[in-house]
Amino acid sequence: MDKKFDLEDRLVEFAATVVIFCKDLPSDLTGQYYGNQLLRSAGSSALNFGEAQGTNTDRDYINKASISLKELKESRVNLKILSKVNYGNAVRRGELLDELEQLIRIIATIIKNKK
């Protein structure tokens, strides 16, 4: 299987795992706010990377992949905030952060190599 599709699958898996993680967040104002933000940024990272697969030029690809990277970085900050206030399953949060760091490194390297 082509590596770009493996990465897309990882981004989809990450977004799906975030959905499950957010279901278990407390339903108070903090849980709802950060949960909704995390759902959007994690989902957007997968969706924008999917769009990047259909671009015709390196410039378009870099643009969409860069948006995906920004969304992943937003997800990382969100999870760090949730860690500071001890929201959500700590083990799952740690797993999400680990996968995020790997995804960020991969996409940043792809963008760098396309320039």
N, C-alpha and C. Protein backbone atom coordinates (compact mmCIF):
# COMPACT_ATOMS: atom_id res chain seq x y z
N MET A 1 0.85 -1.19 0.00
CA MET A 1 0.00 0.00 0.00
C MET A 1 0.88 1.25 0.00
N ASP A 2 0.47 2.25 -0.71
CA ASP A 2 1.21 3.51 -0.81
C ASP A 2 1.27 4.19 0.56
N LYS A 3 2.43 4.75 0.90
CA LYS A 3 2.64 5.36 2.21
C LYS A 3 1.69 6.52 2.49
N LYS A 4 1.31 7.29 1.47
CA LYS A 4 0.43 8.42 1.72
C LYS A 4 -0.93 7.95 2.25
N PHE A 5 -1.35 6.77 1.82
CA PHE A 5 -2.61 6.25 2.31
C PHE A 5 -2.46 5.68 3.72
N ASP A 6 -1.28 5.17 4.04
CA ASP A 6 -1.03 4.73 5.41
C ASP A 6 -1.13 5.92 6.35
N LEU A 7 -0.58 7.06 5.97
CA LEU A 7 -0.65 8.25 6.80
C LEU A 7 -2.09 8.74 6.91
N GLU A 8 -2.81 8.71 5.81
CA GLU A 8 -4.22 9.10 5.85
C GLU A 8 -4.98 8.21 6.83
N ASP A 9 -4.71 6.91 6.79
CA ASP A 9 -5.37 5.98 7.71
C ASP A 9 -5.02 6.31 9.16
N ARG A 10 -3.78 6.67 9.41
CA ARG A 10 -3.38 7.04 10.78
C ARG A 10 -4.10 8.30 11.25
N LEU A 11 -4.25 9.26 10.35
CA LEU A 11 -4.97 10.49 10.70
C LEU A 11 -6.44 10.21 10.97
N VAL A 12 -7.03 9.34 10.18
CA VAL A 12 -8.43 8.96 10.40
C VAL A 12 -8.55 8.22 11.74
N GLU A 13 -7.63 7.32 12.01
CA GLU A 13 -7.64 6.59 13.28
C GLU A 13 -7.47 7.55 14.46
N PHE A 14 -6.58 8.52 14.30
CA PHE A 14 -6.38 9.52 15.35
C PHE A 14 -7.68 10.28 15.61
N ALA A 15 -8.31 10.75 14.54
CA ALA A 15 -9.56 11.51 14.69
C ALA A 15 -10.64 10.65 15.36
N ALA A 16 -10.73 9.39 14.97
CA ALA A 16 -11.73 8.50 15.56
C ALA A 16 -11.45 8.25 17.04
N THR A 17 -10.19 8.10 17.38
CA THR A 17 -9.81 7.89 18.79
C THR A 17 -10.14 9.14 19.61
N VAL A 18 -9.97 10.30 19.03
CA VAL A 18 -10.34 11.56 19.70
C VAL A 18 -11.84 11.59 19.96
N VAL A 19 -12.63 11.13 19.01
CA VAL A 19 -14.09 11.09 19.21
C VAL A 19 -14.41 10.26 20.45
N ILE A 20 -13.81 9.10 20.55
CA ILE A 20 -14.07 8.21 21.70
C ILE A 20 -13.57 8.86 22.99
N PHE A 21 -12.39 9.47 22.93
CA PHE A 21 -11.84 10.16 24.11
C PHE A 21 -12.79 11.26 24.58
N CYS A 22 -13.30 12.05 23.64
CA CYS A 22 -14.16 13.19 24.00
C CYS A 22 -15.52 12.76 24.55
N LYS A 23 -15.98 11.59 24.16
CA LYS A 23 -17.25 11.09 24.70
C LYS A 23 -17.19 10.93 26.22
N ASP A 24 -16.00 10.66 26.72
CA ASP A 24 -15.82 10.42 28.16
C ASP A 24 -15.43 11.65 28.96
N LEU A 25 -15.30 12.79 28.29
CA LEU A 25 -14.98 14.02 29.02
C LEU A 25 -16.19 14.45 29.86
N PRO A 26 -15.95 15.09 31.00
CA PRO A 26 -17.08 15.60 31.78
C PRO A 26 -17.93 16.55 30.92
N SER A 27 -19.22 16.58 31.19
CA SER A 27 -20.12 17.40 30.37
C SER A 27 -20.27 18.82 30.92
N ASP A 28 -19.31 19.26 31.73
CA ASP A 28 -19.36 20.63 32.23
C ASP A 28 -18.82 21.58 31.15
N LEU A 29 -18.77 22.87 31.47
CA LEU A 29 -18.34 23.88 30.50
C LEU A 29 -16.94 23.59 29.94
N THR A 30 -16.02 23.23 30.81
CA THR A 30 -14.64 22.96 30.38
C THR A 30 -14.58 21.75 29.45
N GLY A 31 -15.22 20.68 29.84
CA GLY A 31 -15.23 19.46 29.02
C GLY A 31 -15.86 19.70 27.67
N GLN A 32 -16.96 20.43 27.65
CA GLN A 32 -17.64 20.70 26.38
C GLN A 32 -16.79 21.61 25.49
N TYR A 33 -16.26 22.66 26.06
CA TYR A 33 -15.48 23.61 25.27
C TYR A 33 -14.25 22.94 24.64
N TYR A 34 -13.41 22.35 25.49
CA TYR A 34 -12.19 21.75 24.97
C TYR A 34 -12.47 20.48 24.17
N GLY A 35 -13.49 19.75 24.54
CA GLY A 35 -13.88 18.58 23.76
C GLY A 35 -14.31 18.95 22.36
N ASN A 36 -15.13 19.98 22.24
CA ASN A 36 -15.58 20.42 20.91
C ASN A 36 -14.41 20.93 20.08
N GLN A 37 -13.53 21.71 20.71
CA GLN A 37 -12.36 22.22 19.99
C GLN A 37 -11.48 21.07 19.50
N LEU A 38 -11.27 20.10 20.37
CA LEU A 38 -10.43 18.95 20.02
C LEU A 38 -11.05 18.13 18.90
N LEU A 39 -12.35 17.93 18.96
CA LEU A 39 -13.04 17.20 17.89
C LEU A 39 -12.85 17.89 16.54
N ARG A 40 -12.98 19.20 16.55
CA ARG A 40 -12.84 19.95 15.29
C ARG A 40 -11.42 19.90 14.75
N SER A 41 -10.44 20.14 15.61
CA SER A 41 -9.06 20.18 15.10
C SER A 41 -8.56 18.80 14.68
N ALA A 42 -8.90 17.77 15.43
CA ALA A 42 -8.46 16.41 15.06
C ALA A 42 -9.14 15.97 13.76
N GLY A 43 -10.42 16.23 13.65
CA GLY A 43 -11.12 15.87 12.42
C GLY A 43 -10.63 16.66 11.23
N SER A 44 -10.38 17.94 11.44
CA SER A 44 -9.90 18.79 10.36
C SER A 44 -8.53 18.35 9.85
N SER A 45 -7.69 17.87 10.74
CA SER A 45 -6.36 17.42 10.30
C SER A 45 -6.50 16.26 9.31
N ALA A 46 -7.38 15.33 9.60
CA ALA A 46 -7.59 14.20 8.69
C ALA A 46 -8.25 14.65 7.39
N LEU A 47 -9.25 15.51 7.50
CA LEU A 47 -9.97 15.97 6.31
C LEU A 47 -9.08 16.78 5.38
N ASN A 48 -8.27 17.66 5.93
CA ASN A 48 -7.39 18.47 5.10
C ASN A 48 -6.29 17.63 4.46
N PHE A 49 -5.80 16.64 5.17
CA PHE A 49 -4.80 15.76 4.56
C PHE A 49 -5.44 14.96 3.43
N GLY A 50 -6.69 14.54 3.63
CA GLY A 50 -7.41 13.85 2.56
C GLY A 50 -7.53 14.73 1.33
N GLU A 51 -7.83 16.01 1.54
CA GLU A 51 -7.90 16.95 0.41
C GLU A 51 -6.54 17.10 -0.27
N ALA A 52 -5.48 17.07 0.52
CA ALA A 52 -4.13 17.21 -0.06
C ALA A 52 -3.85 16.10 -1.06
N GLN A 53 -4.42 14.93 -0.83
CA GLN A 53 -4.17 13.80 -1.73
C GLN A 53 -4.71 14.06 -3.13
N GLY A 54 -5.68 14.95 -3.26
CA GLY A 54 -6.28 15.21 -4.56
C GLY A 54 -5.78 16.46 -5.25
N THR A 55 -4.73 17.07 -4.72
CA THR A 55 -4.23 18.31 -5.33
C THR A 55 -3.40 18.02 -6.58
N ASN A 56 -3.32 19.04 -7.43
CA ASN A 56 -2.61 18.88 -8.70
C ASN A 56 -1.19 19.42 -8.69
N THR A 57 -0.88 20.28 -7.72
CA THR A 57 0.45 20.87 -7.69
C THR A 57 1.07 20.70 -6.31
N ASP A 58 2.39 20.79 -6.27
CA ASP A 58 3.08 20.72 -4.97
C ASP A 58 2.65 21.88 -4.08
N ARG A 59 2.45 23.04 -4.67
CA ARG A 59 2.03 24.21 -3.88
C ARG A 59 0.68 23.95 -3.20
N ASP A 60 -0.28 23.41 -3.93
CA ASP A 60 -1.58 23.09 -3.34
C ASP A 60 -1.45 22.02 -2.26
N TYR A 61 -0.61 21.02 -2.55
CA TYR A 61 -0.39 19.95 -1.58
C TYR A 61 0.19 20.52 -0.29
N ILE A 62 1.21 21.36 -0.42
CA ILE A 62 1.85 21.96 0.75
C ILE A 62 0.84 22.79 1.53
N ASN A 63 -0.01 23.53 0.84
CA ASN A 63 -1.01 24.35 1.50
C ASN A 63 -1.96 23.49 2.35
N LYS A 64 -2.50 22.44 1.77
CA LYS A 64 -3.44 21.58 2.50
C LYS A 64 -2.73 20.81 3.62
N ALA A 65 -1.54 20.31 3.33
CA ALA A 65 -0.79 19.58 4.36
C ALA A 65 -0.41 20.52 5.50
N SER A 66 -0.13 21.79 5.18
CA SER A 66 0.19 22.77 6.22
C SER A 66 -1.00 23.05 7.12
N ILE A 67 -2.18 23.08 6.54
CA ILE A 67 -3.39 23.26 7.35
C ILE A 67 -3.56 22.05 8.27
N SER A 68 -3.34 20.87 7.73
CA SER A 68 -3.42 19.66 8.54
C SER A 68 -2.43 19.72 9.70
N LEU A 69 -1.22 20.17 9.42
CA LEU A 69 -0.19 20.30 10.46
C LEU A 69 -0.61 21.30 11.54
N LYS A 70 -1.16 22.43 11.13
CA LYS A 70 -1.63 23.44 12.10
C LYS A 70 -2.72 22.87 12.99
N GLU A 71 -3.62 22.10 12.41
CA GLU A 71 -4.71 21.50 13.19
C GLU A 71 -4.17 20.47 14.19
N LEU A 72 -3.16 19.73 13.78
CA LEU A 72 -2.55 18.77 14.70
C LEU A 72 -1.88 19.50 15.87
N LYS A 73 -1.21 20.61 15.56
CA LYS A 73 -0.57 21.38 16.63
C LYS A 73 -1.61 21.97 17.58
N GLU A 74 -2.75 22.39 17.05
CA GLU A 74 -3.82 22.88 17.90
C GLU A 74 -4.33 21.75 18.79
N SER A 75 -4.47 20.56 18.24
CA SER A 75 -4.91 19.40 19.03
C SER A 75 -3.92 19.11 20.15
N ARG A 76 -2.63 19.25 19.85
CA ARG A 76 -1.60 19.00 20.86
C ARG A 76 -1.74 19.97 22.03
N VAL A 77 -1.91 21.24 21.75
CA VAL A 77 -2.06 22.24 22.81
C VAL A 77 -3.33 21.95 23.62
N ASN A 78 -4.39 21.60 22.94
CA ASN A 78 -5.65 21.28 23.61
C ASN A 78 -5.44 20.12 24.58
N LEU A 79 -4.80 19.06 24.13
CA LEU A 79 -4.57 17.91 25.01
C LEU A 79 -3.64 18.26 26.17
N LYS A 80 -2.69 19.15 25.94
CA LYS A 80 -1.83 19.59 27.04
C LYS A 80 -2.64 20.37 28.08
N ILE A 81 -3.56 21.19 27.63
CA ILE A 81 -4.44 21.92 28.57
C ILE A 81 -5.28 20.92 29.36
N LEU A 82 -5.86 19.95 28.65
CA LEU A 82 -6.67 18.94 29.35
C LEU A 82 -5.83 18.15 30.34
N SER A 83 -4.57 17.93 30.02
CA SER A 83 -3.67 17.25 30.96
C SER A 83 -3.45 18.09 32.21
N LYS A 84 -3.24 19.39 32.03
CA LYS A 84 -3.00 20.29 33.17
C LYS A 84 -4.17 20.31 34.13
N VAL A 85 -5.39 20.19 33.60
CA VAL A 85 -6.57 20.25 34.47
C VAL A 85 -7.13 18.85 34.76
N ASN A 86 -6.36 17.83 34.33
CA ASN A 86 -6.69 16.43 34.60
C ASN A 86 -8.08 16.04 34.08
N TYR A 87 -8.36 16.37 32.83
CA TYR A 87 -9.63 16.01 32.19
C TYR A 87 -9.40 14.85 31.24
N GLY A 88 -10.29 13.91 31.27
CA GLY A 88 -10.21 12.76 30.38
C GLY A 88 -9.29 11.69 30.92
N ASN A 89 -9.36 10.54 30.29
CA ASN A 89 -8.56 9.39 30.68
C ASN A 89 -7.07 9.70 30.45
N ALA A 90 -6.30 9.64 31.52
CA ALA A 90 -4.88 10.02 31.45
C ALA A 90 -4.08 9.11 30.51
N VAL A 91 -4.36 7.83 30.53
CA VAL A 91 -3.63 6.89 29.67
C VAL A 91 -3.95 7.19 28.21
N ARG A 92 -5.23 7.35 27.91
CA ARG A 92 -5.64 7.64 26.53
C ARG A 92 -5.07 8.98 26.07
N ARG A 93 -5.09 9.97 26.96
CA ARG A 93 -4.54 11.29 26.64
C ARG A 93 -3.07 11.16 26.26
N GLY A 94 -2.32 10.38 27.03
CA GLY A 94 -0.91 10.16 26.75
C GLY A 94 -0.69 9.47 25.41
N GLU A 95 -1.53 8.49 25.11
CA GLU A 95 -1.44 7.80 23.82
C GLU A 95 -1.73 8.76 22.67
N LEU A 96 -2.74 9.60 22.85
CA LEU A 96 -3.08 10.59 21.83
C LEU A 96 -1.93 11.57 21.61
N LEU A 97 -1.34 12.04 22.69
CA LEU A 97 -0.22 12.97 22.58
C LEU A 97 0.98 12.32 21.87
N ASP A 98 1.24 11.06 22.17
CA ASP A 98 2.34 10.35 21.52
C ASP A 98 2.09 10.23 20.02
N GLU A 99 0.89 9.82 19.64
CA GLU A 99 0.56 9.71 18.22
C GLU A 99 0.61 11.07 17.54
N LEU A 100 0.13 12.09 18.23
CA LEU A 100 0.18 13.46 17.68
C LEU A 100 1.60 13.88 17.36
N GLU A 101 2.51 13.65 18.28
CA GLU A 101 3.91 14.03 18.05
C GLU A 101 4.47 13.32 16.82
N GLN A 102 4.14 12.05 16.66
CA GLN A 102 4.61 11.31 15.49
C GLN A 102 4.00 11.87 14.20
N LEU A 103 2.70 12.13 14.22
CA LEU A 103 2.02 12.67 13.04
C LEU A 103 2.56 14.05 12.67
N ILE A 104 2.80 14.87 13.67
CA ILE A 104 3.35 16.21 13.42
C ILE A 104 4.72 16.10 12.75
N ARG A 105 5.57 15.23 13.27
CA ARG A 105 6.91 15.05 12.68
C ARG A 105 6.82 14.55 11.23
N ILE A 106 5.93 13.61 10.99
CA ILE A 106 5.80 13.04 9.64
C ILE A 106 5.33 14.11 8.65
N ILE A 107 4.27 14.82 9.00
CA ILE A 107 3.73 15.80 8.07
C ILE A 107 4.69 16.97 7.88
N ALA A 108 5.36 17.39 8.93
CA ALA A 108 6.36 18.47 8.81
C ALA A 108 7.48 18.04 7.87
N THR A 109 7.90 16.80 7.94
CA THR A 109 8.95 16.30 7.07
C THR A 109 8.46 16.23 5.61
N ILE A 110 7.24 15.80 5.41
CA ILE A 110 6.67 15.75 4.06
C ILE A 110 6.65 17.15 3.45
N ILE A 111 6.19 18.12 4.22
CA ILE A 111 6.12 19.50 3.73
C ILE A 111 7.52 20.00 3.40
N LYS A 112 8.46 19.77 4.29
CA LYS A 112 9.84 20.22 4.07
C LYS A 112 10.42 19.61 2.79
N ASN A 113 10.14 18.33 2.56
CA ASN A 113 10.68 17.66 1.38
C ASN A 113 10.00 18.07 0.09
N LYS A 114 8.79 18.62 0.17
CA LYS A 114 8.07 19.06 -1.02
C LYS A 114 8.51 20.46 -1.46
N LYS A 115 9.14 21.21 -0.54
CA LYS A 115 9.55 22.58 -0.87
C LYS A 115 10.77 22.62 -1.74
